[in-house]
Structures are given as C-alpha cells and as structure tokens.
Amino acid sequence: AILAAYTLLLRNALEPSVLAGYWVVLALLHGKIFEFPETVRAVTAAHAAVARLDAFLALPEKKAPPLLPAPSLPEHFPYAIWAERAAFSWGGEAGRRRRAEER
C-alpha cells in the first residue's frame, strides 16, 4: 500500500534504492510492531500492580493480636515451642476432623 501510494499518487518512479530502503525500514520495525501489544499488556499489568501496592501501603497500621502467655517451663529447659489449636496437615481426613471438632 505504501509503495503503491509512492508510485501512483506521488508519481515517483520505483527505483531499486527506494525499494531497498523501504525493506530495511520495514525489517527494523517488523519485530517492534508485533511486540507492541504484549508490551502494552505488560505495562498495564505493571501499572495495576503498582496501584494495588500503593493502596496496600496507604492502609492504616493494624495492631498485632495479643500474644498468648508462655507456659511455665522448668529452669533447666528455658526454651520451648508450642502450638495451640494447630494441625500438622492441610486438608485430608485429619484436617476435616479438626475443623469438625472446632465447631
């Protein structure tokens, strides 16, 4: 279409140098033209992610839930790890049983 407009509308002769220049410019732009829609999608997704992060950072601070009192420990064993209402599984029969007991 561009070459037709160059020759018919502008009444210029289509010389090899013009045709070679046209193909070089088209080859340079070819990859960038086809990458443009993906670049627009990536920039849009990045903008949305930054907006969500900005909204999250603008939220007021929340107080942490109070810690449970530590159980009394023997003096020779000063460190402990304990879990209350915890299960060492996710889903499955044990998870369903635990959730049913909590209700």
N, C-alpha and C. Protein backbone atom coordinates (compact mmCIF):
# COMPACT_ATOMS: atom_id res chain seq x y z
N ALA A 1 0.82 -1.19 0.00
CA ALA A 1 0.00 0.00 0.00
C ALA A 1 0.87 1.25 0.00
N ILE A 2 1.93 1.21 0.76
CA ILE A 2 2.82 2.39 0.82
C ILE A 2 3.55 2.55 -0.51
N LEU A 3 4.00 1.43 -1.07
CA LEU A 3 4.70 1.52 -2.35
C LEU A 3 3.75 1.95 -3.47
N ALA A 4 2.51 1.48 -3.41
CA ALA A 4 1.53 1.91 -4.41
C ALA A 4 1.26 3.40 -4.30
N ALA A 5 1.14 3.90 -3.09
CA ALA A 5 0.92 5.34 -2.90
C ALA A 5 2.14 6.12 -3.38
N TYR A 6 3.33 5.59 -3.13
CA TYR A 6 4.56 6.27 -3.56
C TYR A 6 4.62 6.38 -5.08
N THR A 7 4.24 5.30 -5.75
CA THR A 7 4.36 5.32 -7.21
C THR A 7 3.17 5.98 -7.90
N LEU A 8 1.95 5.68 -7.44
CA LEU A 8 0.77 6.17 -8.15
C LEU A 8 0.39 7.59 -7.76
N LEU A 9 0.28 7.85 -6.46
CA LEU A 9 -0.18 9.17 -6.02
C LEU A 9 0.88 10.25 -6.16
N LEU A 10 2.11 9.90 -5.80
CA LEU A 10 3.18 10.90 -5.87
C LEU A 10 3.86 10.92 -7.24
N ARG A 11 3.50 9.96 -8.10
CA ARG A 11 4.04 9.85 -9.45
C ARG A 11 5.56 9.79 -9.46
N ASN A 12 6.09 9.00 -8.52
CA ASN A 12 7.54 8.79 -8.48
C ASN A 12 7.86 7.42 -9.05
N ALA A 13 9.04 7.31 -9.62
CA ALA A 13 9.49 6.02 -10.16
C ALA A 13 9.98 5.16 -9.00
N LEU A 14 9.63 3.88 -9.05
CA LEU A 14 10.06 2.94 -8.01
C LEU A 14 11.44 2.41 -8.40
N GLU A 15 12.45 2.98 -7.80
CA GLU A 15 13.83 2.60 -8.12
C GLU A 15 14.30 1.56 -7.10
N PRO A 16 15.33 0.82 -7.45
CA PRO A 16 15.85 -0.19 -6.51
C PRO A 16 16.33 0.40 -5.18
N SER A 17 16.87 1.59 -5.22
CA SER A 17 17.35 2.20 -3.97
C SER A 17 16.18 2.53 -3.04
N VAL A 18 15.06 2.98 -3.60
CA VAL A 18 13.88 3.28 -2.79
C VAL A 18 13.30 1.98 -2.22
N LEU A 19 13.22 0.96 -3.06
CA LEU A 19 12.69 -0.32 -2.62
C LEU A 19 13.58 -0.95 -1.53
N ALA A 20 14.89 -0.86 -1.68
CA ALA A 20 15.80 -1.40 -0.67
C ALA A 20 15.65 -0.64 0.65
N GLY A 21 15.56 0.67 0.57
CA GLY A 21 15.37 1.46 1.79
C GLY A 21 14.07 1.13 2.50
N TYR A 22 13.01 0.92 1.69
CA TYR A 22 11.71 0.54 2.24
C TYR A 22 11.80 -0.79 2.98
N TRP A 23 12.46 -1.77 2.38
CA TRP A 23 12.57 -3.10 3.00
C TRP A 23 13.42 -3.05 4.27
N VAL A 24 14.45 -2.23 4.30
CA VAL A 24 15.28 -2.10 5.50
C VAL A 24 14.47 -1.49 6.65
N VAL A 25 13.74 -0.44 6.36
CA VAL A 25 12.92 0.19 7.40
C VAL A 25 11.83 -0.77 7.88
N LEU A 26 11.20 -1.48 6.96
CA LEU A 26 10.18 -2.44 7.34
C LEU A 26 10.76 -3.57 8.20
N ALA A 27 11.96 -4.02 7.87
CA ALA A 27 12.60 -5.08 8.66
C ALA A 27 12.94 -4.58 10.06
N LEU A 28 13.35 -3.32 10.19
CA LEU A 28 13.66 -2.77 11.51
C LEU A 28 12.40 -2.64 12.37
N LEU A 29 11.29 -2.26 11.77
CA LEU A 29 10.06 -2.06 12.52
C LEU A 29 9.26 -3.34 12.74
N HIS A 30 9.52 -4.37 11.96
CA HIS A 30 8.70 -5.59 11.99
C HIS A 30 8.60 -6.19 13.40
N GLY A 31 9.71 -6.43 14.05
CA GLY A 31 9.69 -7.02 15.39
C GLY A 31 9.02 -6.11 16.41
N LYS A 32 9.30 -4.85 16.34
CA LYS A 32 8.74 -3.91 17.31
C LYS A 32 7.23 -3.76 17.14
N ILE A 33 6.74 -3.83 15.92
CA ILE A 33 5.30 -3.72 15.68
C ILE A 33 4.57 -4.90 16.30
N PHE A 34 5.11 -6.10 16.13
CA PHE A 34 4.43 -7.29 16.64
C PHE A 34 4.61 -7.46 18.14
N GLU A 35 5.62 -6.84 18.73
CA GLU A 35 5.81 -6.89 20.18
C GLU A 35 4.98 -5.83 20.91
N PHE A 36 4.47 -4.86 20.20
CA PHE A 36 3.76 -3.75 20.83
C PHE A 36 2.56 -4.18 21.65
N PRO A 37 1.65 -5.05 21.17
CA PRO A 37 0.50 -5.44 22.01
C PRO A 37 0.92 -6.11 23.32
N GLU A 38 1.94 -6.97 23.28
CA GLU A 38 2.41 -7.61 24.51
C GLU A 38 3.04 -6.59 25.45
N THR A 39 3.73 -5.63 24.91
CA THR A 39 4.32 -4.58 25.75
C THR A 39 3.22 -3.76 26.42
N VAL A 40 2.16 -3.46 25.69
CA VAL A 40 1.04 -2.71 26.27
C VAL A 40 0.40 -3.52 27.40
N ARG A 41 0.22 -4.83 27.21
CA ARG A 41 -0.36 -5.68 28.27
C ARG A 41 0.55 -5.70 29.49
N ALA A 42 1.85 -5.83 29.28
CA ALA A 42 2.79 -5.88 30.40
C ALA A 42 2.80 -4.56 31.17
N VAL A 43 2.77 -3.45 30.46
CA VAL A 43 2.77 -2.14 31.13
C VAL A 43 1.46 -1.94 31.90
N THR A 44 0.34 -2.38 31.33
CA THR A 44 -0.95 -2.27 32.02
C THR A 44 -0.96 -3.11 33.29
N ALA A 45 -0.45 -4.34 33.21
CA ALA A 45 -0.39 -5.20 34.40
C ALA A 45 0.54 -4.60 35.46
N ALA A 46 1.66 -4.05 35.04
CA ALA A 46 2.58 -3.43 35.99
C ALA A 46 1.94 -2.22 36.65
N HIS A 47 1.21 -1.43 35.90
CA HIS A 47 0.54 -0.25 36.47
C HIS A 47 -0.49 -0.68 37.50
N ALA A 48 -1.25 -1.73 37.20
CA ALA A 48 -2.25 -2.23 38.16
C ALA A 48 -1.58 -2.76 39.42
N ALA A 49 -0.46 -3.46 39.26
CA ALA A 49 0.25 -3.99 40.43
C ALA A 49 0.80 -2.86 41.30
N VAL A 50 1.33 -1.84 40.70
CA VAL A 50 1.85 -0.70 41.47
C VAL A 50 0.70 0.02 42.18
N ALA A 51 -0.44 0.14 41.52
CA ALA A 51 -1.60 0.77 42.15
C ALA A 51 -2.08 -0.04 43.36
N ARG A 52 -2.10 -1.38 43.23
CA ARG A 52 -2.50 -2.23 44.37
C ARG A 52 -1.50 -2.11 45.51
N LEU A 53 -0.21 -2.11 45.19
CA LEU A 53 0.81 -1.95 46.23
C LEU A 53 0.69 -0.60 46.91
N ASP A 54 0.44 0.44 46.15
CA ASP A 54 0.27 1.77 46.72
C ASP A 54 -0.94 1.81 47.65
N ALA A 55 -2.04 1.18 47.23
CA ALA A 55 -3.23 1.14 48.08
C ALA A 55 -2.97 0.35 49.37
N PHE A 56 -2.22 -0.74 49.26
CA PHE A 56 -1.89 -1.52 50.44
C PHE A 56 -1.01 -0.74 51.41
N LEU A 57 -0.03 -0.04 50.88
CA LEU A 57 0.87 0.73 51.74
C LEU A 57 0.18 1.93 52.36
N ALA A 58 -0.90 2.39 51.77
CA ALA A 58 -1.63 3.53 52.32
C ALA A 58 -2.60 3.13 53.42
N LEU A 59 -2.82 1.83 53.63
CA LEU A 59 -3.73 1.38 54.68
C LEU A 59 -3.18 1.76 56.05
N PRO A 60 -4.07 2.03 57.01
CA PRO A 60 -3.58 2.34 58.36
C PRO A 60 -2.97 1.10 59.00
N GLU A 61 -2.06 1.34 59.92
CA GLU A 61 -1.41 0.24 60.63
C GLU A 61 -2.43 -0.51 61.47
N LYS A 62 -2.27 -1.81 61.55
CA LYS A 62 -3.14 -2.63 62.38
C LYS A 62 -2.35 -3.14 63.57
N LYS A 63 -3.03 -3.25 64.69
CA LYS A 63 -2.37 -3.77 65.87
C LYS A 63 -2.24 -5.28 65.75
N ALA A 64 -1.13 -5.80 66.20
CA ALA A 64 -0.91 -7.24 66.18
C ALA A 64 -1.79 -7.88 67.25
N PRO A 65 -2.26 -9.10 67.01
CA PRO A 65 -3.06 -9.76 68.04
C PRO A 65 -2.21 -10.01 69.29
N PRO A 66 -2.83 -10.00 70.45
CA PRO A 66 -2.04 -10.20 71.66
C PRO A 66 -1.45 -11.60 71.69
N LEU A 67 -0.26 -11.70 72.24
CA LEU A 67 0.41 -12.98 72.35
C LEU A 67 -0.16 -13.77 73.52
N LEU A 68 -0.18 -15.06 73.36
CA LEU A 68 -0.63 -15.92 74.45
C LEU A 68 0.44 -15.96 75.53
N PRO A 69 0.05 -16.10 76.79
CA PRO A 69 1.07 -16.18 77.82
C PRO A 69 1.88 -17.46 77.66
N ALA A 70 3.15 -17.35 77.90
CA ALA A 70 4.04 -18.51 77.76
C ALA A 70 3.77 -19.50 78.89
N PRO A 71 3.82 -20.78 78.57
CA PRO A 71 3.62 -21.77 79.64
C PRO A 71 4.81 -21.77 80.59
N SER A 72 4.56 -22.19 81.79
CA SER A 72 5.66 -22.25 82.75
C SER A 72 6.59 -23.39 82.36
N LEU A 73 7.87 -23.11 82.36
CA LEU A 73 8.87 -24.07 81.92
C LEU A 73 9.83 -24.39 83.07
N PRO A 74 10.35 -25.59 83.09
CA PRO A 74 11.36 -25.89 84.10
C PRO A 74 12.61 -25.04 83.86
N GLU A 75 13.35 -24.81 84.90
CA GLU A 75 14.51 -23.94 84.80
C GLU A 75 15.60 -24.53 83.91
N HIS A 76 15.75 -25.85 83.89
CA HIS A 76 16.79 -26.48 83.08
C HIS A 76 16.39 -26.57 81.60
N PHE A 77 15.17 -26.17 81.26
CA PHE A 77 14.68 -26.20 79.88
C PHE A 77 14.05 -24.85 79.56
N PRO A 78 14.88 -23.82 79.30
CA PRO A 78 14.35 -22.46 79.20
C PRO A 78 13.64 -22.12 77.89
N TYR A 79 13.75 -22.98 76.89
CA TYR A 79 13.15 -22.64 75.60
C TYR A 79 12.11 -23.68 75.21
N ALA A 80 11.05 -23.24 74.59
CA ALA A 80 10.01 -24.17 74.16
C ALA A 80 9.28 -23.61 72.95
N ILE A 81 8.77 -24.51 72.17
CA ILE A 81 7.90 -24.15 71.05
C ILE A 81 6.59 -24.88 71.30
N TRP A 82 5.49 -24.16 71.27
CA TRP A 82 4.20 -24.82 71.47
C TRP A 82 3.21 -24.28 70.45
N ALA A 83 2.23 -25.06 70.18
CA ALA A 83 1.19 -24.68 69.24
C ALA A 83 -0.16 -25.02 69.85
N GLU A 84 -1.07 -24.08 69.78
CA GLU A 84 -2.41 -24.31 70.27
C GLU A 84 -3.36 -24.32 69.08
N ARG A 85 -4.30 -25.26 69.08
CA ARG A 85 -5.27 -25.42 68.00
C ARG A 85 -4.58 -25.50 66.65
N ALA A 86 -3.54 -26.32 66.57
CA ALA A 86 -2.77 -26.45 65.34
C ALA A 86 -2.81 -27.89 64.87
N ALA A 87 -2.67 -28.06 63.58
CA ALA A 87 -2.58 -29.39 62.99
C ALA A 87 -1.40 -29.39 62.03
N PHE A 88 -0.78 -30.51 61.91
CA PHE A 88 0.38 -30.61 61.02
C PHE A 88 -0.01 -31.25 59.70
N SER A 89 -1.14 -30.83 59.18
CA SER A 89 -1.59 -31.31 57.87
C SER A 89 -2.42 -30.21 57.24
N TRP A 90 -2.65 -30.33 55.98
CA TRP A 90 -3.53 -29.40 55.30
C TRP A 90 -4.54 -30.23 54.51
N GLY A 91 -5.75 -30.16 54.94
CA GLY A 91 -6.80 -30.90 54.27
C GLY A 91 -6.77 -32.37 54.65
N GLY A 92 -7.40 -33.18 53.88
CA GLY A 92 -7.44 -34.61 54.15
C GLY A 92 -8.32 -34.92 55.35
N GLU A 93 -8.30 -36.14 55.79
CA GLU A 93 -9.16 -36.59 56.88
C GLU A 93 -8.82 -35.87 58.19
N ALA A 94 -7.53 -35.70 58.49
CA ALA A 94 -7.14 -35.05 59.74
C ALA A 94 -7.62 -33.60 59.78
N GLY A 95 -7.53 -32.90 58.66
CA GLY A 95 -7.98 -31.52 58.62
C GLY A 95 -9.49 -31.41 58.79
N ARG A 96 -10.23 -32.30 58.14
CA ARG A 96 -11.69 -32.27 58.29
C ARG A 96 -12.09 -32.59 59.74
N ARG A 97 -11.40 -33.56 60.34
CA ARG A 97 -11.72 -33.94 61.73
C ARG A 97 -11.46 -32.76 62.67
N ARG A 98 -10.35 -32.07 62.47
CA ARG A 98 -10.02 -30.94 63.33
C ARG A 98 -11.04 -29.82 63.19
N ARG A 99 -11.43 -29.52 61.94
CA ARG A 99 -12.42 -28.45 61.73
C ARG A 99 -13.76 -28.83 62.34
N ALA A 100 -14.11 -30.10 62.27
CA ALA A 100 -15.38 -30.55 62.86
C ALA A 100 -15.33 -30.43 64.39
N GLU A 101 -14.17 -30.67 65.00
CA GLU A 101 -14.04 -30.55 66.45
C GLU A 101 -14.12 -29.10 66.89
N GLU A 102 -13.66 -28.17 66.06
CA GLU A 102 -13.69 -26.76 66.43
C GLU A 102 -15.10 -26.21 66.41
N ARG A 103 -15.99 -26.78 65.64
CA ARG A 103 -17.36 -26.27 65.54
C ARG A 103 -18.16 -26.63 66.71
